[in-house]
Amino acid sequence: MNALLALTPAEEEAPPSQAEAAYRQLRDKLIMLEIRPGEPINDGQLAAELGFSRTPVREAIKRLEVDHLVISYPRRGTFATNVDFTELADVSEIRELLEPLAARRAASRASESMRRELLRVAAAIAGIDPGAGESRDLMRYDLMVHRLIYKAAANPHLEDTLIRYDNLATRIWCVVLDKVPSVTGHITEHVDLLKAVAAGEADKAGELALHHVTSFEETIRKVL
């Protein structure tokens, strides 16, 4: 697990601003349910915990409202949003259209350094011990794979849109993790997808991406 998360980006990015860094950390805490649905959001407490001043944390919280991960009520405060399972069909409908598009674009447009990164991540996932690792930890692989493919697609508007909907889908998944027999298969099916993208096999990559999204929804519905 740690070896995969420690992988360096295929293409160097400028260090994020404090507001961006706070946003990314809080976003992933909300997605992975480290901040539970309905839990109050205390900007001062979070700023101290993350090592930022209150200003970048407040800026991050405003962005998280747009992402539907937090909600503010007058005179009551700000809270992590509840997970609404009725949104699953709407989120899946969008992802079924856009995930294959991103995979096909990535297969066609990824840089050589990004293709090497995709293969490196595929090899790391292929080496997962089926009996090792917590389910919630394994879901971090899922986030990494999707975000890499979105970046490789080289369309920042598509990337931003898909990250938002993948975040919502992952949050739904995390809520039902204890009811799912195993998430290892869900994670390891990324290997073929990553290899198809890296090999430039656009049609195959699109088909595998669509299968991944539809199987995700089917798995969730079985345990609801």
C-alpha atoms as a PDB file:
ATOM      1  CA  MET A   1       0.000   0.000   0.000  1.00  0.00           C
ATOM      2  CA  ASN A   2       2.562   2.567   1.092  1.00  0.00           C
ATOM      3  CA  ALA A   3       4.785   1.757  -1.869  1.00  0.00           C
ATOM      4  CA  LEU A   4       2.029   2.703  -4.276  1.00  0.00           C
ATOM      5  CA  LEU A   5       1.044   5.864  -2.482  1.00  0.00           C
ATOM      6  CA  ALA A   6       4.688   6.932  -2.427  1.00  0.00           C
ATOM      7  CA  LEU A   7       4.956   6.806  -6.211  1.00  0.00           C
ATOM      8  CA  THR A   8       6.062  10.139  -7.600  1.00  0.00           C
ATOM      9  CA  PRO A   9       3.923  11.908 -10.222  1.00  0.00           C
ATOM     10  CA  ALA A  10       4.804  11.070 -13.795  1.00  0.00           C
ATOM     11  CA  GLU A  11       4.919  14.750 -14.640  1.00  0.00           C
ATOM     12  CA  GLU A  12       6.174  17.311 -12.172  1.00  0.00           C
ATOM     13  CA  GLU A  13       3.679  19.853 -10.888  1.00  0.00           C
ATOM     14  CA  ALA A  14       4.283  23.118  -9.091  1.00  0.00           C
ATOM     15  CA  PRO A  15       3.824  22.776  -5.320  1.00  0.00           C
ATOM     16  CA  PRO A  16       0.193  23.511  -4.428  1.00  0.00           C
ATOM     17  CA  SER A  17      -0.781  26.636  -2.543  1.00  0.00           C
ATOM     18  CA  GLN A  18      -1.806  26.254   1.081  1.00  0.00           C
ATOM     19  CA  ALA A  19      -5.452  26.608   0.081  1.00  0.00           C
ATOM     20  CA  GLU A  20      -5.074  23.906  -2.577  1.00  0.00           C
ATOM     21  CA  ALA A  21      -3.179  21.608  -0.203  1.00  0.00           C
ATOM     22  CA  ALA A  22      -5.822  22.100   2.494  1.00  0.00           C
ATOM     23  CA  TYR A  23      -8.561  21.442  -0.050  1.00  0.00           C
ATOM     24  CA  ARG A  24      -6.982  18.181  -1.251  1.00  0.00           C
ATOM     25  CA  GLN A  25      -6.399  16.880   2.272  1.00  0.00           C
ATOM     26  CA  LEU A  26      -9.885  17.748   3.519  1.00  0.00           C
ATOM     27  CA  ARG A  27     -11.481  16.409   0.331  1.00  0.00           C
ATOM     28  CA  ASP A  28      -9.837  13.019   0.766  1.00  0.00           C
ATOM     29  CA  LYS A  29     -10.680  12.892   4.469  1.00  0.00           C
ATOM     30  CA  LEU A  30     -14.331  13.415   3.549  1.00  0.00           C
ATOM     31  CA  ILE A  31     -14.224  10.872   0.713  1.00  0.00           C
ATOM     32  CA  MET A  32     -12.594   8.181   2.856  1.00  0.00           C
ATOM     33  CA  LEU A  33     -14.967   8.958   5.755  1.00  0.00           C
ATOM     34  CA  GLU A  34     -12.166  10.030   8.081  1.00  0.00           C
ATOM     35  CA  ILE A  35     -14.617  12.898   8.555  1.00  0.00           C
ATOM     36  CA  ARG A  36     -17.925  11.087   8.940  1.00  0.00           C
ATOM     37  CA  PRO A  37     -21.168  12.082   7.164  1.00  0.00           C
ATOM     38  CA  GLY A  38     -23.036  14.621   9.293  1.00  0.00           C
ATOM     39  CA  GLU A  39     -19.970  15.472  11.370  1.00  0.00           C
ATOM     40  CA  PRO A  40     -19.491  19.195  12.141  1.00  0.00           C
ATOM     41  CA  ILE A  41     -16.655  20.969  10.353  1.00  0.00           C
ATOM     42  CA  ASN A  42     -14.603  23.146  12.700  1.00  0.00           C
ATOM     43  CA  ASP A  43     -12.211  25.266  10.656  1.00  0.00           C
ATOM     44  CA  GLY A  44     -10.017  26.150  13.629  1.00  0.00           C
ATOM     45  CA  GLN A  45      -9.647  22.545  14.716  1.00  0.00           C
ATOM     46  CA  LEU A  46      -8.933  21.394  11.161  1.00  0.00           C
ATOM     47  CA  ALA A  47      -6.399  24.188  10.636  1.00  0.00           C
ATOM     48  CA  ALA A  48      -4.501  23.087  13.730  1.00  0.00           C
ATOM     49  CA  GLU A  49      -4.713  19.425  12.732  1.00  0.00           C
ATOM     50  CA  LEU A  50      -3.469  20.046   9.179  1.00  0.00           C
ATOM     51  CA  GLY A  51      -0.880  22.658  10.089  1.00  0.00           C
ATOM     52  CA  PHE A  52      -2.458  25.563   8.188  1.00  0.00           C
ATOM     53  CA  SER A  53      -3.875  28.911   9.213  1.00  0.00           C
ATOM     54  CA  ARG A  54      -7.643  29.307   9.174  1.00  0.00           C
ATOM     55  CA  THR A  55      -7.745  31.269   5.910  1.00  0.00           C
ATOM     56  CA  PRO A  56      -6.686  28.463   3.519  1.00  0.00           C
ATOM     57  CA  VAL A  57      -8.901  26.016   5.396  1.00  0.00           C
ATOM     58  CA  ARG A  58     -11.897  28.324   5.027  1.00  0.00           C
ATOM     59  CA  GLU A  59     -11.150  28.692   1.318  1.00  0.00           C
ATOM     60  CA  ALA A  60     -10.973  24.905   1.034  1.00  0.00           C
ATOM     61  CA  ILE A  61     -14.313  24.498   2.803  1.00  0.00           C
ATOM     62  CA  LYS A  62     -15.976  26.873   0.315  1.00  0.00           C
ATOM     63  CA  ARG A  63     -14.748  24.695  -2.554  1.00  0.00           C
ATOM     64  CA  LEU A  64     -15.918  21.551  -0.783  1.00  0.00           C
ATOM     65  CA  GLU A  65     -19.430  23.015  -0.648  1.00  0.00           C
ATOM     66  CA  VAL A  66     -19.389  23.239  -4.448  1.00  0.00           C
ATOM     67  CA  ASP A  67     -18.278  19.589  -4.515  1.00  0.00           C
ATOM     68  CA  HIS A  68     -21.313  18.633  -2.349  1.00  0.00           C
ATOM     69  CA  LEU A  69     -19.008  17.222   0.317  1.00  0.00           C
ATOM     70  CA  VAL A  70     -19.872  19.801   2.983  1.00  0.00           C
ATOM     71  CA  ILE A  71     -22.929  21.951   3.604  1.00  0.00           C
ATOM     72  CA  SER A  72     -23.386  25.141   5.616  1.00  0.00           C
ATOM     73  CA  TYR A  73     -26.510  26.177   7.508  1.00  0.00           C
ATOM     74  CA  PRO A  74     -27.122  29.716   8.803  1.00  0.00           C
ATOM     75  CA  ARG A  75     -26.573  29.931  12.571  1.00  0.00           C
ATOM     76  CA  ARG A  76     -25.908  26.164  12.751  1.00  0.00           C
ATOM     77  CA  GLY A  77     -22.514  25.776  11.165  1.00  0.00           C
ATOM     78  CA  THR A  78     -20.905  23.601   8.519  1.00  0.00           C
ATOM     79  CA  PHE A  79     -21.179  19.820   8.322  1.00  0.00           C
ATOM     80  CA  ALA A  80     -20.001  16.937   6.186  1.00  0.00           C
ATOM     81  CA  THR A  81     -22.866  16.059   3.871  1.00  0.00           C
ATOM     82  CA  ASN A  82     -24.798  12.872   4.409  1.00  0.00           C
ATOM     83  CA  VAL A  83     -24.416  10.136   1.804  1.00  0.00           C
ATOM     84  CA  ASP A  84     -27.575   9.908  -0.273  1.00  0.00           C
ATOM     85  CA  PHE A  85     -27.811   6.499  -1.940  1.00  0.00           C
ATOM     86  CA  THR A  86     -30.581   7.766  -4.212  1.00  0.00           C
ATOM     87  CA  GLU A  87     -27.860   9.747  -6.027  1.00  0.00           C
ATOM     88  CA  LEU A  88     -26.099   6.552  -7.093  1.00  0.00           C
ATOM     89  CA  ALA A  89     -28.017   6.227 -10.365  1.00  0.00           C
ATOM     90  CA  ASP A  90     -27.433   9.880 -11.302  1.00  0.00           C
ATOM     91  CA  VAL A  91     -23.724   9.713 -10.514  1.00  0.00           C
ATOM     92  CA  SER A  92     -23.338   6.419 -12.379  1.00  0.00           C
ATOM     93  CA  GLU A  93     -25.185   7.758 -15.428  1.00  0.00           C
ATOM     94  CA  ILE A  94     -22.659  10.572 -15.780  1.00  0.00           C
ATOM     95  CA  ARG A  95     -19.665   8.329 -15.112  1.00  0.00           C
ATOM     96  CA  GLU A  96     -20.833   5.727 -17.652  1.00  0.00           C
ATOM     97  CA  LEU A  97     -20.574   8.421 -20.313  1.00  0.00           C
ATOM     98  CA  LEU A  98     -17.435  10.221 -19.193  1.00  0.00           C
ATOM     99  CA  GLU A  99     -15.175   7.477 -17.768  1.00  0.00           C
ATOM    100  CA  PRO A 100     -14.887   5.690 -21.155  1.00  0.00           C
ATOM    101  CA  LEU A 101     -14.254   9.052 -22.825  1.00  0.00           C
ATOM    102  CA  ALA A 102     -11.412   9.786 -20.411  1.00  0.00           C
ATOM    103  CA  ALA A 103      -9.921   6.314 -20.866  1.00  0.00           C
ATOM    104  CA  ARG A 104     -10.025   6.596 -24.666  1.00  0.00           C
ATOM    105  CA  ARG A 105      -8.492  10.068 -24.600  1.00  0.00           C
ATOM    106  CA  ALA A 106      -5.802   8.934 -22.183  1.00  0.00           C
ATOM    107  CA  ALA A 107      -4.918   6.003 -24.456  1.00  0.00           C
ATOM    108  CA  SER A 108      -4.562   8.388 -27.373  1.00  0.00           C
ATOM    109  CA  ARG A 109      -2.975  11.403 -25.719  1.00  0.00           C
ATOM    110  CA  ALA A 110      -0.965  10.313 -22.683  1.00  0.00           C
ATOM    111  CA  SER A 111       2.658  11.369 -22.686  1.00  0.00           C
ATOM    112  CA  GLU A 112       5.373   8.724 -22.619  1.00  0.00           C
ATOM    113  CA  SER A 113       6.214   9.527 -19.012  1.00  0.00           C
ATOM    114  CA  MET A 114       2.570   9.127 -18.045  1.00  0.00           C
ATOM    115  CA  ARG A 115       2.363   5.775 -19.859  1.00  0.00           C
ATOM    116  CA  ARG A 116       5.361   4.572 -17.851  1.00  0.00           C
ATOM    117  CA  GLU A 117       3.648   5.733 -14.669  1.00  0.00           C
ATOM    118  CA  LEU A 118       0.443   3.894 -15.566  1.00  0.00           C
ATOM    119  CA  LEU A 119       2.398   0.676 -16.122  1.00  0.00           C
ATOM    120  CA  ARG A 120       4.252   1.151 -12.850  1.00  0.00           C
ATOM    121  CA  VAL A 121       0.978   1.527 -10.972  1.00  0.00           C
ATOM    122  CA  ALA A 122      -0.480  -1.489 -12.811  1.00  0.00           C
ATOM    123  CA  ALA A 123       2.487  -3.590 -11.675  1.00  0.00           C
ATOM    124  CA  ALA A 124       2.065  -2.406  -8.085  1.00  0.00           C
ATOM    125  CA  ILE A 125      -1.631  -3.302  -8.082  1.00  0.00           C
ATOM    126  CA  ALA A 126      -0.964  -6.687  -9.691  1.00  0.00           C
ATOM    127  CA  GLY A 127       1.319  -7.445  -6.760  1.00  0.00           C
ATOM    128  CA  ILE A 128      -1.341  -6.868  -4.094  1.00  0.00           C
ATOM    129  CA  ASP A 129      -1.676  -9.758  -1.669  1.00  0.00           C
ATOM    130  CA  PRO A 130      -5.410 -10.662  -1.747  1.00  0.00           C
ATOM    131  CA  GLY A 131      -5.396 -11.263   1.994  1.00  0.00           C
ATOM    132  CA  ALA A 132      -3.513  -8.132   2.964  1.00  0.00           C
ATOM    133  CA  GLY A 133      -4.600  -4.587   3.588  1.00  0.00           C
ATOM    134  CA  GLU A 134      -7.728  -2.947   4.930  1.00  0.00           C
ATOM    135  CA  SER A 135     -10.585  -2.394   2.506  1.00  0.00           C
ATOM    136  CA  ARG A 136     -10.482   1.357   3.083  1.00  0.00           C
ATOM    137  CA  ASP A 137      -6.763   1.427   2.355  1.00  0.00           C
ATOM    138  CA  LEU A 138      -7.309  -0.532  -0.847  1.00  0.00           C
ATOM    139  CA  MET A 139      -9.817   2.072  -2.004  1.00  0.00           C
ATOM    140  CA  ARG A 140      -6.987   4.597  -2.134  1.00  0.00           C
ATOM    141  CA  TYR A 141      -5.647   2.630  -5.084  1.00  0.00           C
ATOM    142  CA  ASP A 142      -8.957   3.225  -6.826  1.00  0.00           C
ATOM    143  CA  LEU A 143      -8.686   6.970  -6.306  1.00  0.00           C
ATOM    144  CA  MET A 144      -5.093   6.988  -7.564  1.00  0.00           C
ATOM    145  CA  VAL A 145      -5.876   5.028 -10.737  1.00  0.00           C
ATOM    146  CA  HIS A 146      -8.826   7.183 -11.726  1.00  0.00           C
ATOM    147  CA  ARG A 147      -7.006  10.440 -11.068  1.00  0.00           C
ATOM    148  CA  LEU A 148      -4.013   9.280 -13.127  1.00  0.00           C
ATOM    149  CA  ILE A 149      -6.237   8.380 -16.076  1.00  0.00           C
ATOM    150  CA  TYR A 150      -8.109  11.680 -15.855  1.00  0.00           C
ATOM    151  CA  LYS A 151      -4.808  13.567 -15.905  1.00  0.00           C
ATOM    152  CA  ALA A 152      -3.518  11.463 -18.801  1.00  0.00           C
ATOM    153  CA  ALA A 153      -6.650  12.379 -20.782  1.00  0.00           C
ATOM    154  CA  ALA A 154      -5.210  15.904 -21.073  1.00  0.00           C
ATOM    155  CA  ASN A 155      -8.499  17.768 -20.748  1.00  0.00           C
ATOM    156  CA  PRO A 156      -8.602  19.750 -17.484  1.00  0.00           C
ATOM    157  CA  HIS A 157     -12.359  20.370 -17.706  1.00  0.00           C
ATOM    158  CA  LEU A 158     -13.046  16.651 -18.106  1.00  0.00           C
ATOM    159  CA  GLU A 159     -10.560  15.916 -15.313  1.00  0.00           C
ATOM    160  CA  ASP A 160     -12.240  18.316 -12.868  1.00  0.00           C
ATOM    161  CA  THR A 161     -15.706  16.957 -13.652  1.00  0.00           C
ATOM    162  CA  LEU A 162     -14.719  13.311 -13.305  1.00  0.00           C
ATOM    163  CA  ILE A 163     -12.780  13.852 -10.087  1.00  0.00           C
ATOM    164  CA  ARG A 164     -15.899  15.393  -8.544  1.00  0.00           C
ATOM    165  CA  TYR A 165     -18.147  12.473  -9.515  1.00  0.00           C
ATOM    166  CA  ASP A 166     -15.559   9.818  -8.720  1.00  0.00           C
ATOM    167  CA  ASN A 167     -15.221  11.376  -5.263  1.00  0.00           C
ATOM    168  CA  LEU A 168     -18.973  11.033  -4.692  1.00  0.00           C
ATOM    169  CA  ALA A 169     -18.961   7.455  -5.967  1.00  0.00           C
ATOM    170  CA  THR A 170     -16.012   6.504  -3.765  1.00  0.00           C
ATOM    171  CA  ARG A 171     -17.733   7.991  -0.731  1.00  0.00           C
ATOM    172  CA  ILE A 172     -20.797   5.841  -1.396  1.00  0.00           C
ATOM    173  CA  TRP A 173     -18.534   2.806  -1.724  1.00  0.00           C
ATOM    174  CA  CYS A 174     -16.778   3.575   1.576  1.00  0.00           C
ATOM    175  CA  VAL A 175     -20.103   3.720   3.415  1.00  0.00           C
ATOM    176  CA  VAL A 176     -20.923   0.121   2.408  1.00  0.00           C
ATOM    177  CA  LEU A 177     -17.397  -1.311   2.601  1.00  0.00           C
ATOM    178  CA  ASP A 178     -18.206  -3.427   5.627  1.00  0.00           C
ATOM    179  CA  LYS A 179     -21.005  -5.122   3.689  1.00  0.00           C
ATOM    180  CA  VAL A 180     -18.911  -5.907   0.604  1.00  0.00           C
ATOM    181  CA  PRO A 181     -17.226  -9.336   0.814  1.00  0.00           C
ATOM    182  CA  SER A 182     -14.012  -8.089  -0.809  1.00  0.00           C
ATOM    183  CA  VAL A 183     -12.831  -5.048  -2.716  1.00  0.00           C
ATOM    184  CA  THR A 184      -9.645  -6.673  -3.974  1.00  0.00           C
ATOM    185  CA  GLY A 185     -11.254  -7.748  -7.251  1.00  0.00           C
ATOM    186  CA  HIS A 186     -12.609  -4.248  -7.786  1.00  0.00           C
ATOM    187  CA  ILE A 187      -9.088  -2.879  -7.389  1.00  0.00           C
ATOM    188  CA  THR A 188      -7.180  -5.489  -9.400  1.00  0.00           C
ATOM    189  CA  GLU A 189      -9.441  -5.095 -12.451  1.00  0.00           C
ATOM    190  CA  HIS A 190      -7.682  -1.764 -12.910  1.00  0.00           C
ATOM    191  CA  VAL A 191      -4.592  -3.628 -14.103  1.00  0.00           C
ATOM    192  CA  ASP A 192      -5.995  -4.425 -17.551  1.00  0.00           C
ATOM    193  CA  LEU A 193      -7.425  -0.908 -17.848  1.00  0.00           C
ATOM    194  CA  LEU A 194      -4.084   0.709 -17.039  1.00  0.00           C
ATOM    195  CA  LYS A 195      -2.261  -1.552 -19.483  1.00  0.00           C
ATOM    196  CA  ALA A 196      -4.753  -0.792 -22.257  1.00  0.00           C
ATOM    197  CA  VAL A 197      -4.354   2.951 -21.718  1.00  0.00           C
ATOM    198  CA  ALA A 198      -0.568   2.681 -21.613  1.00  0.00           C
ATOM    199  CA  ALA A 199      -0.579   0.610 -24.815  1.00  0.00           C
ATOM    200  CA  GLY A 200      -2.724   3.165 -26.644  1.00  0.00           C
ATOM    201  CA  GLU A 201      -5.621   0.723 -27.062  1.00  0.00           C
ATOM    202  CA  ALA A 202      -8.362   3.341 -26.949  1.00  0.00           C
ATOM    203  CA  ASP A 203     -11.403   1.172 -27.703  1.00  0.00           C
ATOM    204  CA  LYS A 204     -10.374  -1.512 -25.224  1.00  0.00           C
ATOM    205  CA  ALA A 205      -9.644   1.103 -22.566  1.00  0.00           C
ATOM    206  CA  GLY A 206     -13.096   2.631 -23.063  1.00  0.00           C
ATOM    207  CA  GLU A 207     -14.807  -0.751 -22.786  1.00  0.00           C
ATOM    208  CA  LEU A 208     -12.915  -1.643 -19.607  1.00  0.00           C
ATOM    209  CA  ALA A 209     -13.672   1.736 -18.052  1.00  0.00           C
ATOM    210  CA  LEU A 210     -17.387   1.296 -18.742  1.00  0.00           C
ATOM    211  CA  HIS A 211     -17.347  -2.218 -17.264  1.00  0.00           C
ATOM    212  CA  HIS A 212     -15.621  -0.894 -14.153  1.00  0.00           C
ATOM    213  CA  VAL A 213     -18.295   1.755 -13.572  1.00  0.00           C
ATOM    214  CA  THR A 214     -21.249  -0.573 -14.203  1.00  0.00           C
ATOM    215  CA  SER A 215     -19.817  -3.337 -11.996  1.00  0.00           C
ATOM    216  CA  PHE A 216     -19.297  -0.762  -9.246  1.00  0.00           C
ATOM    217  CA  GLU A 217     -22.964   0.204  -9.329  1.00  0.00           C
ATOM    218  CA  GLU A 218     -24.079  -3.438  -9.421  1.00  0.00           C
ATOM    219  CA  THR A 219     -21.950  -4.281  -6.385  1.00  0.00           C
ATOM    220  CA  ILE A 220     -23.344  -1.360  -4.409  1.00  0.00           C
ATOM    221  CA  ARG A 221     -26.946  -2.235  -5.234  1.00  0.00           C
ATOM    222  CA  LYS A 222     -26.455  -5.829  -4.086  1.00  0.00           C
ATOM    223  CA  VAL A 223     -25.596  -4.694  -0.553  1.00  0.00           C
ATOM    224  CA  LEU A 224     -28.089  -1.844  -0.157  1.00  0.00           C
END
